[in-house]
Amino acid sequence: MIIANKQKYLDDLQNQFLKSDLPTLEVGDGVKIGVKIIEGTKERIQFYEGTIIAKKNSSVNTTITVRKILQGIGVERVFLIHSPKVNSIQVLRSSKVRRSKLYYLRNLRGKASRLKQRFK
C-alpha cells in the first residue's frame, strides 16, 4: 500500500515536468532542435539539425538520438526532449522507414544515406 502511494506521488511529480507543446516525433524525421547554451552570464539558443535515428520512450525520460554529418564526420547527440535545456523542436521533414532504430546509417556515406521522404 505504501509502495503504491509512493509510485503515484512519483508519477504526479514527473507529470508536472512533461512538455505538452511537442510535435509528434518519429524515427527518420529531420528535426531542428533549439538548445539553451549558457556562457558565463549570457544565455543563447544554438540549433542542432539532423535526423532522428533512435527514440526511447519512458515518460519524462524520453530521449531521441539525432545524427548529422559535420565536415564529413558523423556526429550523434542524445536529447532529453522534456528537459528545460531543449527550447524548441521543429520537424523539417518526415521519412518513410521500416525500422525502429536507424543505426545502419552510421555505415553509409553520401547519397546512400538518404531516406525516402514521406508526405503527410
PDB file of N, CA and C in Angstrom:
ATOM      1  N   MET A   1       0.821  -1.193   0.000  1.00  0.00           N
ATOM      2  CA  MET A   1       0.000   0.000   0.000  1.00  0.00           C
ATOM      3  C   MET A   1       0.864   1.257   0.000  1.00  0.00           C
ATOM      4  N   ILE A   2       1.886   1.256   0.822  1.00  0.00           N
ATOM      5  CA  ILE A   2       2.778   2.416   0.887  1.00  0.00           C
ATOM      6  C   ILE A   2       3.539   2.557  -0.424  1.00  0.00           C
ATOM      7  N   ILE A   3       3.948   1.445  -1.028  1.00  0.00           N
ATOM      8  CA  ILE A   3       4.674   1.485  -2.304  1.00  0.00           C
ATOM      9  C   ILE A   3       3.796   2.068  -3.398  1.00  0.00           C
ATOM     10  N   ALA A   4       2.522   1.718  -3.419  1.00  0.00           N
ATOM     11  CA  ALA A   4       1.594   2.250  -4.419  1.00  0.00           C
ATOM     12  C   ALA A   4       1.460   3.761  -4.269  1.00  0.00           C
ATOM     13  N   ASN A   5       1.413   4.248  -3.030  1.00  0.00           N
ATOM     14  CA  ASN A   5       1.315   5.688  -2.797  1.00  0.00           C
ATOM     15  C   ASN A   5       2.571   6.415  -3.266  1.00  0.00           C
ATOM     16  N   LYS A   6       3.727   5.797  -3.015  1.00  0.00           N
ATOM     17  CA  LYS A   6       4.986   6.409  -3.467  1.00  0.00           C
ATOM     18  C   LYS A   6       5.032   6.485  -4.982  1.00  0.00           C
ATOM     19  N   GLN A   7       4.588   5.421  -5.649  1.00  0.00           N
ATOM     20  CA  GLN A   7       4.603   5.403  -7.114  1.00  0.00           C
ATOM     21  C   GLN A   7       3.653   6.460  -7.678  1.00  0.00           C
ATOM     22  N   LYS A   8       2.485   6.595  -7.058  1.00  0.00           N
ATOM     23  CA  LYS A   8       1.520   7.607  -7.503  1.00  0.00           C
ATOM     24  C   LYS A   8       2.107   9.003  -7.311  1.00  0.00           C
ATOM     25  N   TYR A   9       2.769   9.225  -6.187  1.00  0.00           N
ATOM     26  CA  TYR A   9       3.400  10.511  -5.915  1.00  0.00           C
ATOM     27  C   TYR A   9       4.492  10.808  -6.950  1.00  0.00           C
ATOM     28  N   LEU A  10       5.316   9.810  -7.269  1.00  0.00           N
ATOM     29  CA  LEU A  10       6.373   9.993  -8.268  1.00  0.00           C
ATOM     30  C   LEU A  10       5.791  10.285  -9.649  1.00  0.00           C
ATOM     31  N   ASP A  11       4.719   9.577 -10.018  1.00  0.00           N
ATOM     32  CA  ASP A  11       4.081   9.818 -11.308  1.00  0.00           C
ATOM     33  C   ASP A  11       3.516  11.229 -11.391  1.00  0.00           C
ATOM     34  N   ASP A  12       2.878  11.680 -10.324  1.00  0.00           N
ATOM     35  CA  ASP A  12       2.338  13.042 -10.304  1.00  0.00           C
ATOM     36  C   ASP A  12       3.447  14.078 -10.407  1.00  0.00           C
ATOM     37  N   LEU A  13       4.545  13.821  -9.724  1.00  0.00           N
ATOM     38  CA  LEU A  13       5.683  14.735  -9.764  1.00  0.00           C
ATOM     39  C   LEU A  13       6.292  14.806 -11.160  1.00  0.00           C
ATOM     40  N   GLN A  14       6.441  13.651 -11.816  1.00  0.00           N
ATOM     41  CA  GLN A  14       7.003  13.626 -13.164  1.00  0.00           C
ATOM     42  C   GLN A  14       6.083  14.273 -14.177  1.00  0.00           C
ATOM     43  N   ASN A  15       4.781  14.111 -14.025  1.00  0.00           N
ATOM     44  CA  ASN A  15       3.825  14.688 -14.974  1.00  0.00           C
ATOM     45  C   ASN A  15       3.852  16.211 -14.973  1.00  0.00           C
ATOM     46  N   GLN A  16       4.317  16.823 -13.896  1.00  0.00           N
ATOM     47  CA  GLN A  16       4.433  18.279 -13.850  1.00  0.00           C
ATOM     48  C   GLN A  16       5.472  18.783 -14.851  1.00  0.00           C
ATOM     49  N   PHE A  17       6.466  17.963 -15.153  1.00  0.00           N
ATOM     50  CA  PHE A  17       7.577  18.400 -15.989  1.00  0.00           C
ATOM     51  C   PHE A  17       7.431  17.986 -17.456  1.00  0.00           C
ATOM     52  N   LEU A  18       6.362  17.278 -17.813  1.00  0.00           N
ATOM     53  CA  LEU A  18       6.152  16.887 -19.205  1.00  0.00           C
ATOM     54  C   LEU A  18       5.766  18.102 -20.026  1.00  0.00           C
ATOM     55  N   LYS A  19       6.385  18.242 -21.193  1.00  0.00           N
ATOM     56  CA  LYS A  19       6.034  19.330 -22.101  1.00  0.00           C
ATOM     57  C   LYS A  19       4.822  18.902 -22.928  1.00  0.00           C
ATOM     58  N   SER A  20       3.897  19.806 -23.109  1.00  0.00           N
ATOM     59  CA  SER A  20       2.682  19.475 -23.851  1.00  0.00           C
ATOM     60  C   SER A  20       2.710  19.991 -25.287  1.00  0.00           C
ATOM     61  N   ASP A  21       3.638  20.869 -25.605  1.00  0.00           N
ATOM     62  CA  ASP A  21       3.657  21.506 -26.925  1.00  0.00           C
ATOM     63  C   ASP A  21       4.635  20.850 -27.899  1.00  0.00           C
ATOM     64  N   LEU A  22       4.983  19.592 -27.675  1.00  0.00           N
ATOM     65  CA  LEU A  22       5.933  18.903 -28.548  1.00  0.00           C
ATOM     66  C   LEU A  22       5.238  18.354 -29.792  1.00  0.00           C
ATOM     67  N   PRO A  23       5.902  18.403 -30.938  1.00  0.00           N
ATOM     68  CA  PRO A  23       5.339  17.754 -32.126  1.00  0.00           C
ATOM     69  C   PRO A  23       5.501  16.240 -32.004  1.00  0.00           C
ATOM     70  N   THR A  24       4.786  15.495 -32.856  1.00  0.00           N
ATOM     71  CA  THR A  24       4.961  14.050 -32.841  1.00  0.00           C
ATOM     72  C   THR A  24       6.281  13.726 -33.529  1.00  0.00           C
ATOM     73  N   LEU A  25       7.152  13.065 -32.812  1.00  0.00           N
ATOM     74  CA  LEU A  25       8.485  12.745 -33.307  1.00  0.00           C
ATOM     75  C   LEU A  25       8.554  11.273 -33.652  1.00  0.00           C
ATOM     76  N   GLU A  26       9.034  10.974 -34.839  1.00  0.00           N
ATOM     77  CA  GLU A  26       9.193   9.598 -35.299  1.00  0.00           C
ATOM     78  C   GLU A  26      10.631   9.380 -35.728  1.00  0.00           C
ATOM     79  N   VAL A  27      11.056   8.143 -35.712  1.00  0.00           N
ATOM     80  CA  VAL A  27      12.390   7.806 -36.203  1.00  0.00           C
ATOM     81  C   VAL A  27      12.425   8.085 -37.706  1.00  0.00           C
ATOM     82  N   GLY A  28      13.473   8.739 -38.165  1.00  0.00           N
ATOM     83  CA  GLY A  28      13.598   9.089 -39.572  1.00  0.00           C
ATOM     84  C   GLY A  28      13.248  10.535 -39.859  1.00  0.00           C
ATOM     85  N   ASP A  29      12.693  11.243 -38.898  1.00  0.00           N
ATOM     86  CA  ASP A  29      12.345  12.650 -39.107  1.00  0.00           C
ATOM     87  C   ASP A  29      13.587  13.521 -39.093  1.00  0.00           C
ATOM     88  N   GLY A  30      13.592  14.513 -39.968  1.00  0.00           N
ATOM     89  CA  GLY A  30      14.625  15.548 -39.940  1.00  0.00           C
ATOM     90  C   GLY A  30      14.154  16.640 -39.002  1.00  0.00           C
ATOM     91  N   VAL A  31      14.926  16.935 -37.963  1.00  0.00           N
ATOM     92  CA  VAL A  31      14.492  17.889 -36.942  1.00  0.00           C
ATOM     93  C   VAL A  31      15.511  18.998 -36.754  1.00  0.00           C
ATOM     94  N   LYS A  32      15.016  20.107 -36.230  1.00  0.00           N
ATOM     95  CA  LYS A  32      15.857  21.235 -35.847  1.00  0.00           C
ATOM     96  C   LYS A  32      15.544  21.517 -34.385  1.00  0.00           C
ATOM     97  N   ILE A  33      16.538  21.322 -33.518  1.00  0.00           N
ATOM     98  CA  ILE A  33      16.347  21.418 -32.075  1.00  0.00           C
ATOM     99  C   ILE A  33      17.089  22.644 -31.555  1.00  0.00           C
ATOM    100  N   GLY A  34      16.374  23.492 -30.852  1.00  0.00           N
ATOM    101  CA  GLY A  34      16.987  24.663 -30.224  1.00  0.00           C
ATOM    102  C   GLY A  34      17.394  24.322 -28.804  1.00  0.00           C
ATOM    103  N   VAL A  35      18.685  24.430 -28.511  1.00  0.00           N
ATOM    104  CA  VAL A  35      19.224  24.068 -27.197  1.00  0.00           C
ATOM    105  C   VAL A  35      19.738  25.329 -26.523  1.00  0.00           C
ATOM    106  N   LYS A  36      19.377  25.528 -25.255  1.00  0.00           N
ATOM    107  CA  LYS A  36      19.858  26.681 -24.499  1.00  0.00           C
ATOM    108  C   LYS A  36      21.307  26.446 -24.094  1.00  0.00           C
ATOM    109  N   ILE A  37      22.159  27.395 -24.430  1.00  0.00           N
ATOM    110  CA  ILE A  37      23.578  27.349 -24.075  1.00  0.00           C
ATOM    111  C   ILE A  37      23.858  28.525 -23.142  1.00  0.00           C
ATOM    112  N   ILE A  38      24.471  28.248 -22.003  1.00  0.00           N
ATOM    113  CA  ILE A  38      24.816  29.304 -21.059  1.00  0.00           C
ATOM    114  C   ILE A  38      26.332  29.473 -21.062  1.00  0.00           C
ATOM    115  N   GLU A  39      26.779  30.683 -21.410  1.00  0.00           N
ATOM    116  CA  GLU A  39      28.205  31.005 -21.446  1.00  0.00           C
ATOM    117  C   GLU A  39      28.435  32.179 -20.512  1.00  0.00           C
ATOM    118  N   GLY A  40      28.969  31.888 -19.347  1.00  0.00           N
ATOM    119  CA  GLY A  40      29.162  32.949 -18.358  1.00  0.00           C
ATOM    120  C   GLY A  40      27.820  33.446 -17.856  1.00  0.00           C
ATOM    121  N   THR A  41      27.543  34.726 -18.100  1.00  0.00           N
ATOM    122  CA  THR A  41      26.262  35.295 -17.688  1.00  0.00           C
ATOM    123  C   THR A  41      25.280  35.376 -18.850  1.00  0.00           C
ATOM    124  N   LYS A  42      25.751  35.080 -20.052  1.00  0.00           N
ATOM    125  CA  LYS A  42      24.893  35.179 -21.233  1.00  0.00           C
ATOM    126  C   LYS A  42      24.233  33.841 -21.541  1.00  0.00           C
ATOM    127  N   GLU A  43      23.047  33.923 -22.093  1.00  0.00           N
ATOM    128  CA  GLU A  43      22.311  32.732 -22.492  1.00  0.00           C
ATOM    129  C   GLU A  43      21.881  32.906 -23.944  1.00  0.00           C
ATOM    130  N   ARG A  44      22.067  31.849 -24.731  1.00  0.00           N
ATOM    131  CA  ARG A  44      21.666  31.905 -26.134  1.00  0.00           C
ATOM    132  C   ARG A  44      21.103  30.556 -26.543  1.00  0.00           C
ATOM    133  N   ILE A  45      20.497  30.525 -27.739  1.00  0.00           N
ATOM    134  CA  ILE A  45      19.933  29.287 -28.261  1.00  0.00           C
ATOM    135  C   ILE A  45      20.752  28.860 -29.464  1.00  0.00           C
ATOM    136  N   GLN A  46      21.240  27.630 -29.419  1.00  0.00           N
ATOM    137  CA  GLN A  46      22.008  27.058 -30.523  1.00  0.00           C
ATOM    138  C   GLN A  46      21.177  25.944 -31.143  1.00  0.00           C
ATOM    139  N   PHE A  47      21.077  25.960 -32.470  1.00  0.00           N
ATOM    140  CA  PHE A  47      20.262  24.969 -33.159  1.00  0.00           C
ATOM    141  C   PHE A  47      21.111  23.787 -33.604  1.00  0.00           C
ATOM    142  N   TYR A  48      20.527  22.602 -33.478  1.00  0.00           N
ATOM    143  CA  TYR A  48      21.161  21.352 -33.877  1.00  0.00           C
ATOM    144  C   TYR A  48      20.202  20.682 -34.844  1.00  0.00           C
ATOM    145  N   GLU A  49      20.644  20.477 -36.078  1.00  0.00           N
ATOM    146  CA  GLU A  49      19.780  19.951 -37.124  1.00  0.00           C
ATOM    147  C   GLU A  49      20.296  18.608 -37.599  1.00  0.00           C
ATOM    148  N   GLY A  50      19.414  17.604 -37.644  1.00  0.00           N
ATOM    149  CA  GLY A  50      19.819  16.283 -38.087  1.00  0.00           C
ATOM    150  C   GLY A  50      18.628  15.342 -38.182  1.00  0.00           C
ATOM    151  N   THR A  51      18.935  14.050 -38.303  1.00  0.00           N
ATOM    152  CA  THR A  51      17.928  13.011 -38.465  1.00  0.00           C
ATOM    153  C   THR A  51      17.814  12.192 -37.183  1.00  0.00           C
ATOM    154  N   ILE A  52      16.592  11.913 -36.772  1.00  0.00           N
ATOM    155  CA  ILE A  52      16.378  11.072 -35.591  1.00  0.00           C
ATOM    156  C   ILE A  52      16.669   9.624 -35.990  1.00  0.00           C
ATOM    157  N   ILE A  53      17.653   9.005 -35.319  1.00  0.00           N
ATOM    158  CA  ILE A  53      17.976   7.609 -35.639  1.00  0.00           C
ATOM    159  C   ILE A  53      17.492   6.648 -34.561  1.00  0.00           C
ATOM    160  N   ALA A  54      17.134   7.174 -33.387  1.00  0.00           N
ATOM    161  CA  ALA A  54      16.627   6.311 -32.309  1.00  0.00           C
ATOM    162  C   ALA A  54      15.741   7.135 -31.392  1.00  0.00           C
ATOM    163  N   LYS A  55      14.790   6.434 -30.790  1.00  0.00           N
ATOM    164  CA  LYS A  55      13.882   7.081 -29.845  1.00  0.00           C
ATOM    165  C   LYS A  55      13.619   6.107 -28.713  1.00  0.00           C
ATOM    166  N   LYS A  56      13.662   6.615 -27.483  1.00  0.00           N
ATOM    167  CA  LYS A  56      13.381   5.790 -26.311  1.00  0.00           C
ATOM    168  C   LYS A  56      12.284   6.474 -25.515  1.00  0.00           C
ATOM    169  N   ASN A  57      11.149   5.824 -25.366  1.00  0.00           N
ATOM    170  CA  ASN A  57      10.011   6.395 -24.646  1.00  0.00           C
ATOM    171  C   ASN A  57       9.988   5.883 -23.219  1.00  0.00           C
ATOM    172  N   SER A  58      10.028   6.802 -22.279  1.00  0.00           N
ATOM    173  CA  SER A  58       9.801   6.431 -20.885  1.00  0.00           C
ATOM    174  C   SER A  58       9.423   7.690 -20.111  1.00  0.00           C
ATOM    175  N   SER A  59       8.213   8.167 -20.368  1.00  0.00           N
ATOM    176  CA  SER A  59       7.622   9.291 -19.659  1.00  0.00           C
ATOM    177  C   SER A  59       8.504  10.541 -19.717  1.00  0.00           C
ATOM    178  N   VAL A  60       8.945  11.007 -18.587  1.00  0.00           N
ATOM    179  CA  VAL A  60       9.708  12.246 -18.538  1.00  0.00           C
ATOM    180  C   VAL A  60      11.145  12.035 -19.044  1.00  0.00           C
ATOM    181  N   ASN A  61      11.595  10.803 -19.092  1.00  0.00           N
ATOM    182  CA  ASN A  61      12.950  10.492 -19.544  1.00  0.00           C
ATOM    183  C   ASN A  61      13.007  10.118 -21.020  1.00  0.00           C
ATOM    184  N   THR A  62      12.056  10.543 -21.824  1.00  0.00           N
ATOM    185  CA  THR A  62      12.043  10.225 -23.248  1.00  0.00           C
ATOM    186  C   THR A  62      13.227  10.892 -23.935  1.00  0.00           C
ATOM    187  N   THR A  63      13.979  10.093 -24.695  1.00  0.00           N
ATOM    188  CA  THR A  63      15.151  10.628 -25.383  1.00  0.00           C
ATOM    189  C   THR A  63      15.062  10.341 -26.876  1.00  0.00           C
ATOM    190  N   ILE A  64      15.719  11.200 -27.655  1.00  0.00           N
ATOM    191  CA  ILE A  64      15.902  10.958 -29.077  1.00  0.00           C
ATOM    192  C   ILE A  64      17.384  11.108 -29.382  1.00  0.00           C
ATOM    193  N   THR A  65      17.877  10.282 -30.290  1.00  0.00           N
ATOM    194  CA  THR A  65      19.251  10.384 -30.756  1.00  0.00           C
ATOM    195  C   THR A  65      19.219  10.995 -32.144  1.00  0.00           C
ATOM    196  N   VAL A  66      19.907  12.115 -32.306  1.00  0.00           N
ATOM    197  CA  VAL A  66      19.907  12.856 -33.566  1.00  0.00           C
ATOM    198  C   VAL A  66      21.301  12.774 -34.167  1.00  0.00           C
ATOM    199  N   ARG A  67      21.357  12.448 -35.462  1.00  0.00           N
ATOM    200  CA  ARG A  67      22.625  12.305 -36.170  1.00  0.00           C
ATOM    201  C   ARG A  67      22.706  13.330 -37.279  1.00  0.00           C
ATOM    202  N   LYS A  68      23.869  13.958 -37.398  1.00  0.00           N
ATOM    203  CA  LYS A  68      24.126  14.862 -38.511  1.00  0.00           C
ATOM    204  C   LYS A  68      25.552  14.653 -38.985  1.00  0.00           C
ATOM    205  N   ILE A  69      25.805  15.079 -40.205  1.00  0.00           N
ATOM    206  CA  ILE A  69      27.149  14.984 -40.773  1.00  0.00           C
ATOM    207  C   ILE A  69      27.768  16.373 -40.712  1.00  0.00           C
ATOM    208  N   LEU A  70      28.904  16.490 -40.044  1.00  0.00           N
ATOM    209  CA  LEU A  70      29.581  17.766 -39.872  1.00  0.00           C
ATOM    210  C   LEU A  70      30.989  17.639 -40.432  1.00  0.00           C
ATOM    211  N   GLN A  71      31.244  18.308 -41.549  1.00  0.00           N
ATOM    212  CA  GLN A  71      32.537  18.285 -42.228  1.00  0.00           C
ATOM    213  C   GLN A  71      32.990  16.861 -42.530  1.00  0.00           C
ATOM    214  N   GLY A  72      32.044  16.039 -42.989  1.00  0.00           N
ATOM    215  CA  GLY A  72      32.355  14.676 -43.391  1.00  0.00           C
ATOM    216  C   GLY A  72      32.425  13.671 -42.257  1.00  0.00           C
ATOM    217  N   ILE A  73      32.161  14.112 -41.030  1.00  0.00           N
ATOM    218  CA  ILE A  73      32.221  13.222 -39.872  1.00  0.00           C
ATOM    219  C   ILE A  73      30.830  13.149 -39.259  1.00  0.00           C
ATOM    220  N   GLY A  74      30.347  11.946 -38.950  1.00  0.00           N
ATOM    221  CA  GLY A  74      29.040  11.769 -38.329  1.00  0.00           C
ATOM    222  C   GLY A  74      29.084  12.138 -36.855  1.00  0.00           C
ATOM    223  N   VAL A  75      28.132  12.966 -36.443  1.00  0.00           N
ATOM    224  CA  VAL A  75      28.041  13.400 -35.052  1.00  0.00           C
ATOM    225  C   VAL A  75      26.654  13.026 -34.539  1.00  0.00           C
ATOM    226  N   GLU A  76      26.592  12.344 -33.403  1.00  0.00           N
ATOM    227  CA  GLU A  76      25.319  11.960 -32.803  1.00  0.00           C
ATOM    228  C   GLU A  76      25.198  12.603 -31.437  1.00  0.00           C
ATOM    229  N   ARG A  77      23.982  12.993 -31.126  1.00  0.00           N
ATOM    230  CA  ARG A  77      23.741  13.612 -29.833  1.00  0.00           C
ATOM    231  C   ARG A  77      22.402  13.115 -29.299  1.00  0.00           C
ATOM    232  N   VAL A  78      22.347  12.832 -28.015  1.00  0.00           N
ATOM    233  CA  VAL A  78      21.129  12.349 -27.367  1.00  0.00           C
ATOM    234  C   VAL A  78      20.490  13.523 -26.623  1.00  0.00           C
ATOM    235  N   PHE A  79      19.194  13.729 -26.857  1.00  0.00           N
ATOM    236  CA  PHE A  79      18.464  14.817 -26.224  1.00  0.00           C
ATOM    237  C   PHE A  79      17.349  14.265 -25.347  1.00  0.00           C
ATOM    238  N   LEU A  80      17.239  14.791 -24.127  1.00  0.00           N
ATOM    239  CA  LEU A  80      16.064  14.569 -23.281  1.00  0.00           C
ATOM    240  C   LEU A  80      15.032  15.588 -23.751  1.00  0.00           C
ATOM    241  N   ILE A  81      13.946  15.136 -24.376  1.00  0.00           N
ATOM    242  CA  ILE A  81      13.053  16.105 -25.010  1.00  0.00           C
ATOM    243  C   ILE A  81      12.227  16.909 -24.008  1.00  0.00           C
ATOM    244  N   HIS A  82      12.080  16.429 -22.773  1.00  0.00           N
ATOM    245  CA  HIS A  82      11.332  17.170 -21.763  1.00  0.00           C
ATOM    246  C   HIS A  82      12.245  18.022 -20.887  1.00  0.00           C
ATOM    247  N   SER A  83      13.521  18.116 -21.240  1.00  0.00           N
ATOM    248  CA  SER A  83      14.486  18.886 -20.470  1.00  0.00           C
ATOM    249  C   SER A  83      14.241  20.388 -20.651  1.00  0.00           C
ATOM    250  N   PRO A  84      14.489  21.184 -19.614  1.00  0.00           N
ATOM    251  CA  PRO A  84      14.361  22.637 -19.773  1.00  0.00           C
ATOM    252  C   PRO A  84      15.430  23.223 -20.696  1.00  0.00           C
ATOM    253  N   LYS A  85      16.505  22.502 -20.937  1.00  0.00           N
ATOM    254  CA  LYS A  85      17.547  22.982 -21.856  1.00  0.00           C
ATOM    255  C   LYS A  85      17.105  22.921 -23.313  1.00  0.00           C
ATOM    256  N   VAL A  86      16.148  22.045 -23.632  1.00  0.00           N
ATOM    257  CA  VAL A  86      15.628  21.960 -25.002  1.00  0.00           C
ATOM    258  C   VAL A  86      14.535  23.006 -25.123  1.00  0.00           C
ATOM    259  N   ASN A  87      14.822  24.040 -25.917  1.00  0.00           N
ATOM    260  CA  ASN A  87      13.909  25.168 -26.049  1.00  0.00           C
ATOM    261  C   ASN A  87      12.808  24.901 -27.063  1.00  0.00           C
ATOM    262  N   SER A  88      13.182  24.348 -28.224  1.00  0.00           N
ATOM    263  CA  SER A  88      12.188  24.113 -29.268  1.00  0.00           C
ATOM    264  C   SER A  88      12.589  22.910 -30.109  1.00  0.00           C
ATOM    265  N   ILE A  89      11.586  22.237 -30.655  1.00  0.00           N
ATOM    266  CA  ILE A  89      11.812  21.132 -31.583  1.00  0.00           C
ATOM    267  C   ILE A  89      10.899  21.363 -32.776  1.00  0.00           C
ATOM    268  N   GLN A  90      11.501  21.381 -33.946  1.00  0.00           N
ATOM    269  CA  GLN A  90      10.742  21.609 -35.174  1.00  0.00           C
ATOM    270  C   GLN A  90      11.025  20.456 -36.135  1.00  0.00           C
ATOM    271  N   VAL A  91       9.963  19.821 -36.649  1.00  0.00           N
ATOM    272  CA  VAL A  91      10.118  18.737 -37.619  1.00  0.00           C
ATOM    273  C   VAL A  91      10.191  19.362 -39.001  1.00  0.00           C
ATOM    274  N   LEU A  92      11.318  19.157 -39.696  1.00  0.00           N
ATOM    275  CA  LEU A  92      11.517  19.733 -41.022  1.00  0.00           C
ATOM    276  C   LEU A  92      10.999  18.823 -42.120  1.00  0.00           C
ATOM    277  N   ARG A  93      11.236  17.525 -41.978  1.00  0.00           N
ATOM    278  CA  ARG A  93      10.760  16.557 -42.964  1.00  0.00           C
ATOM    279  C   ARG A  93      10.585  15.203 -42.304  1.00  0.00           C
ATOM    280  N   SER A  94       9.691  14.413 -42.873  1.00  0.00           N
ATOM    281  CA  SER A  94       9.460  13.061 -42.379  1.00  0.00           C
ATOM    282  C   SER A  94       9.933  12.074 -43.420  1.00  0.00           C
ATOM    283  N   SER A  95      10.411  10.938 -42.971  1.00  0.00           N
ATOM    284  CA  SER A  95      10.917   9.923 -43.891  1.00  0.00           C
ATOM    285  C   SER A  95      10.196   8.609 -43.668  1.00  0.00           C
ATOM    286  N   LYS A  96      10.128   7.823 -44.740  1.00  0.00           N
ATOM    287  CA  LYS A  96       9.493   6.520 -44.705  1.00  0.00           C
ATOM    288  C   LYS A  96      10.552   5.504 -44.264  1.00  0.00           C
ATOM    289  N   VAL A  97      10.382   4.943 -43.074  1.00  0.00           N
ATOM    290  CA  VAL A  97      11.336   3.964 -42.569  1.00  0.00           C
ATOM    291  C   VAL A  97      10.579   2.736 -42.090  1.00  0.00           C
ATOM    292  N   ARG A  98      11.269   1.595 -42.073  1.00  0.00           N
ATOM    293  CA  ARG A  98      10.647   0.346 -41.659  1.00  0.00           C
ATOM    294  C   ARG A  98      11.336  -0.260 -40.447  1.00  0.00           C
ATOM    295  N   ARG A  99      12.152   0.524 -39.784  1.00  0.00           N
ATOM    296  CA  ARG A  99      12.876   0.050 -38.603  1.00  0.00           C
ATOM    297  C   ARG A  99      12.686   1.043 -37.457  1.00  0.00           C
ATOM    298  N   SER A 100      12.863   0.554 -36.237  1.00  0.00           N
ATOM    299  CA  SER A 100      12.709   1.433 -35.082  1.00  0.00           C
ATOM    300  C   SER A 100      14.014   2.126 -34.724  1.00  0.00           C
ATOM    301  N   LYS A 101      15.131   1.574 -35.151  1.00  0.00           N
ATOM    302  CA  LYS A 101      16.440   2.191 -34.926  1.00  0.00           C
ATOM    303  C   LYS A 101      17.179   2.225 -36.258  1.00  0.00           C
ATOM    304  N   LEU A 102      17.744   3.357 -36.602  1.00  0.00           N
ATOM    305  CA  LEU A 102      18.417   3.517 -37.893  1.00  0.00           C
ATOM    306  C   LEU A 102      19.933   3.541 -37.732  1.00  0.00           C
ATOM    307  N   TYR A 103      20.452   2.616 -36.942  1.00  0.00           N
ATOM    308  CA  TYR A 103      21.889   2.578 -36.702  1.00  0.00           C
ATOM    309  C   TYR A 103      22.679   2.232 -37.959  1.00  0.00           C
ATOM    310  N   TYR A 104      22.028   1.635 -38.948  1.00  0.00           N
ATOM    311  CA  TYR A 104      22.727   1.283 -40.183  1.00  0.00           C
ATOM    312  C   TYR A 104      23.184   2.526 -40.946  1.00  0.00           C
ATOM    313  N   LEU A 105      22.628   3.696 -40.641  1.00  0.00           N
ATOM    314  CA  LEU A 105      23.056   4.929 -41.308  1.00  0.00           C
ATOM    315  C   LEU A 105      24.497   5.305 -40.943  1.00  0.00           C
ATOM    316  N   ARG A 106      24.988   4.748 -39.847  1.00  0.00           N
ATOM    317  CA  ARG A 106      26.368   5.037 -39.439  1.00  0.00           C
ATOM    318  C   ARG A 106      27.374   4.524 -40.460  1.00  0.00           C
ATOM    319  N   ASN A 107      27.017   3.462 -41.187  1.00  0.00           N
ATOM    320  CA  ASN A 107      27.948   2.855 -42.146  1.00  0.00           C
ATOM    321  C   ASN A 107      27.777   3.390 -43.561  1.00  0.00           C
ATOM    322  N   LEU A 108      26.779   4.236 -43.809  1.00  0.00           N
ATOM    323  CA  LEU A 108      26.518   4.735 -45.149  1.00  0.00           C
ATOM    324  C   LEU A 108      27.075   6.139 -45.319  1.00  0.00           C
ATOM    325  N   ARG A 109      27.489   6.447 -46.547  1.00  0.00           N
ATOM    326  CA  ARG A 109      28.068   7.753 -46.855  1.00  0.00           C
ATOM    327  C   ARG A 109      27.349   8.378 -48.042  1.00  0.00           C
ATOM    328  N   GLY A 110      27.283   9.688 -48.068  1.00  0.00           N
ATOM    329  CA  GLY A 110      26.781  10.413 -49.233  1.00  0.00           C
ATOM    330  C   GLY A 110      25.329  10.130 -49.554  1.00  0.00           C
ATOM    331  N   LYS A 111      25.079   9.906 -50.852  1.00  0.00           N
ATOM    332  CA  LYS A 111      23.707   9.707 -51.307  1.00  0.00           C
ATOM    333  C   LYS A 111      23.090   8.425 -50.773  1.00  0.00           C
ATOM    334  N   ALA A 112      23.898   7.459 -50.427  1.00  0.00           N
ATOM    335  CA  ALA A 112      23.387   6.186 -49.914  1.00  0.00           C
ATOM    336  C   ALA A 112      22.672   6.368 -48.575  1.00  0.00           C
ATOM    337  N   SER A 113      22.999   7.423 -47.844  1.00  0.00           N
ATOM    338  CA  SER A 113      22.406   7.620 -46.526  1.00  0.00           C
ATOM    339  C   SER A 113      21.102   8.417 -46.576  1.00  0.00           C
ATOM    340  N   ARG A 114      20.605   8.734 -47.765  1.00  0.00           N
ATOM    341  CA  ARG A 114      19.346   9.460 -47.863  1.00  0.00           C
ATOM    342  C   ARG A 114      18.168   8.538 -47.543  1.00  0.00           C
ATOM    343  N   LEU A 115      17.132   9.132 -46.966  1.00  0.00           N
ATOM    344  CA  LEU A 115      15.913   8.390 -46.659  1.00  0.00           C
ATOM    345  C   LEU A 115      14.799   8.911 -47.559  1.00  0.00           C
ATOM    346  N   LYS A 116      13.893   8.022 -47.932  1.00  0.00           N
ATOM    347  CA  LYS A 116      12.784   8.403 -48.800  1.00  0.00           C
ATOM    348  C   LYS A 116      11.783   9.254 -48.018  1.00  0.00           C
ATOM    349  N   GLN A 117      11.406  10.383 -48.580  1.00  0.00           N
ATOM    350  CA  GLN A 117      10.534  11.324 -47.879  1.00  0.00           C
ATOM    351  C   GLN A 117       9.093  10.827 -47.840  1.00  0.00           C
ATOM    352  N   ARG A 118       8.439  11.077 -46.692  1.00  0.00           N
ATOM    353  CA  ARG A 118       7.028  10.734 -46.523  1.00  0.00           C
ATOM    354  C   ARG A 118       6.245  12.033 -46.468  1.00  0.00           C
ATOM    355  N   PHE A 119       5.235  12.141 -47.295  1.00  0.00           N
ATOM    356  CA  PHE A 119       4.399  13.331 -47.331  1.00  0.00           C
ATOM    357  C   PHE A 119       3.137  13.081 -46.528  1.00  0.00           C
ATOM    358  N   LYS A 120       2.807  14.020 -45.669  1.00  0.00           N
ATOM    359  CA  LYS A 120       1.640  13.822 -44.788  1.00  0.00           C
ATOM    360  C   LYS A 120       0.385  14.341 -45.428  1.00  0.00           C
TER     361      LYS A 120
END
